[in-house]
Amino acid sequence: MCSRSKEVIPGLLRKTNKLELLLAAEQEKNKFVQVVLERQANVLEKHSAVMEKHSAVIEDQRNLTAELHMFKKKERMLKIVIVVTVLIIAFQVMSQPEFGKTMPRQLV
């Protein structure tokens, strides 16, 4: 009986050592997986921040495009007002009775 127990114990020790090694390897793998998951979480957080900034830039671009459109409309309207004003002034000048008459030269 004694010799049998001596044979069993080394076998158990070998199995225990293998299990401990497997457990240690599993724990290392879990640590690595945890690090990878943390890094992925950081990347996702940074990506989210970048997407928020990107959305803000797109919104600013839309606003600037709308402002530019309004500016161009106002510029066209101003050009029309200037042309109409010049035409009105020219018509008023041409309709005055003195227009077209030459002034006599005064003798010195």
Protein backbone atom coordinates (compact mmCIF):
# COMPACT_ATOMS: atom_id res chain seq x y z
CA MET A 1 0.00 0.00 0.00
CA CYS A 2 2.79 2.35 0.83
CA SER A 3 4.49 1.89 -2.51
CA ARG A 4 1.21 2.50 -4.28
CA SER A 5 0.69 5.85 -2.53
CA LYS A 6 4.21 6.90 -3.46
CA GLU A 7 3.39 6.27 -7.10
CA VAL A 8 0.10 8.16 -6.98
CA ILE A 9 1.49 11.29 -5.36
CA PRO A 10 4.08 12.05 -8.09
CA GLY A 11 1.36 11.59 -10.71
CA LEU A 12 -0.90 14.00 -8.84
CA LEU A 13 1.94 16.47 -8.53
CA ARG A 14 2.54 16.33 -12.27
CA LYS A 15 -1.15 16.85 -12.95
CA THR A 16 -1.27 19.65 -10.38
CA ASN A 17 1.74 21.34 -11.97
CA LYS A 18 0.13 21.07 -15.39
CA LEU A 19 -3.10 22.54 -14.04
CA GLU A 20 -1.18 25.37 -12.36
CA LEU A 21 0.65 26.06 -15.60
CA LEU A 22 -2.63 26.04 -17.52
CA LEU A 23 -4.20 28.32 -14.93
CA ALA A 24 -1.22 30.70 -15.09
CA ALA A 25 -1.39 30.71 -18.90
CA GLU A 26 -5.13 31.40 -18.77
CA GLN A 27 -4.57 34.27 -16.33
CA GLU A 28 -1.89 35.77 -18.60
CA LYS A 29 -4.23 35.45 -21.56
CA ASN A 30 -6.99 37.15 -19.56
CA LYS A 31 -4.61 39.99 -18.62
CA PHE A 32 -3.68 40.41 -22.28
CA VAL A 33 -7.35 40.37 -23.30
CA GLN A 34 -8.09 42.97 -20.61
CA VAL A 35 -5.31 45.24 -21.91
CA VAL A 36 -6.58 44.86 -25.47
CA LEU A 37 -10.14 45.66 -24.37
CA GLU A 38 -8.95 48.75 -22.49
CA ARG A 39 -7.04 49.94 -25.54
CA GLN A 40 -10.07 49.35 -27.74
CA ALA A 41 -12.20 51.33 -25.29
CA ASN A 42 -9.67 54.20 -25.46
CA VAL A 43 -9.68 54.09 -29.25
CA LEU A 44 -13.48 54.12 -29.33
CA GLU A 45 -13.55 57.06 -26.93
CA LYS A 46 -11.08 59.00 -29.08
CA HIS A 47 -13.01 58.04 -32.22
CA SER A 48 -16.20 59.31 -30.62
CA ALA A 49 -14.53 62.63 -29.79
CA VAL A 50 -13.23 62.93 -33.36
CA MET A 51 -16.69 62.21 -34.75
CA GLU A 52 -18.19 64.92 -32.52
CA LYS A 53 -15.62 67.41 -33.81
CA HIS A 54 -16.28 66.24 -37.37
CA SER A 55 -20.00 66.83 -36.88
CA ALA A 56 -19.28 70.31 -35.53
CA VAL A 57 -17.06 71.07 -38.54
CA ILE A 58 -19.78 69.90 -40.93
CA GLU A 59 -22.34 72.08 -39.15
CA ASP A 60 -19.98 75.09 -39.33
CA GLN A 61 -19.43 74.40 -43.02
CA ARG A 62 -23.19 74.34 -43.63
CA ASN A 63 -23.61 77.61 -41.74
CA LEU A 64 -20.79 79.26 -43.68
CA THR A 65 -22.24 78.05 -46.97
CA ALA A 66 -25.62 79.52 -46.04
CA GLU A 67 -23.96 82.81 -45.03
CA LEU A 68 -22.04 82.91 -48.31
CA HIS A 69 -25.26 82.29 -50.24
CA MET A 70 -26.97 85.16 -48.39
CA PHE A 71 -23.96 87.42 -48.97
CA LYS A 72 -24.03 86.71 -52.71
CA LYS A 73 -27.77 87.44 -52.81
CA LYS A 74 -27.21 90.74 -51.01
CA GLU A 75 -24.33 91.57 -53.34
CA ARG A 76 -26.54 90.99 -56.41
CA MET A 77 -29.29 93.11 -54.91
CA LEU A 78 -26.80 95.89 -54.15
CA LYS A 79 -25.53 95.81 -57.75
CA ILE A 80 -29.10 96.09 -59.00
CA VAL A 81 -29.78 99.01 -56.65
CA ILE A 82 -26.62 100.78 -57.85
CA VAL A 83 -27.52 100.32 -61.53
CA VAL A 84 -31.09 101.51 -60.95
CA THR A 85 -29.84 104.52 -58.97
CA VAL A 86 -27.40 105.46 -61.74
CA LEU A 87 -30.17 105.12 -64.34
CA ILE A 88 -32.52 107.30 -62.28
CA ILE A 89 -29.84 109.97 -61.86
CA ALA A 90 -29.00 109.85 -65.59
CA PHE A 91 -32.69 110.13 -66.50
CA GLN A 92 -33.13 113.10 -64.15
CA VAL A 93 -30.07 114.84 -65.56
CA MET A 94 -31.20 114.22 -69.14
CA SER A 95 -34.71 115.48 -68.44
CA GLN A 96 -33.52 118.85 -67.16
CA PRO A 97 -33.99 121.67 -69.67
CA GLU A 98 -30.38 122.81 -69.42
CA PHE A 99 -29.08 119.40 -70.47
CA GLY A 100 -27.62 119.42 -73.93
CA LYS A 101 -27.37 123.20 -74.16
CA THR A 102 -23.90 124.46 -74.63
CA MET A 103 -22.75 127.18 -72.40
CA PRO A 104 -21.55 130.23 -74.33
CA ARG A 105 -17.94 131.09 -73.90
CA GLN A 106 -17.37 134.18 -72.00
CA LEU A 107 -14.92 136.56 -73.39
CA VAL A 108 -12.02 137.33 -71.24
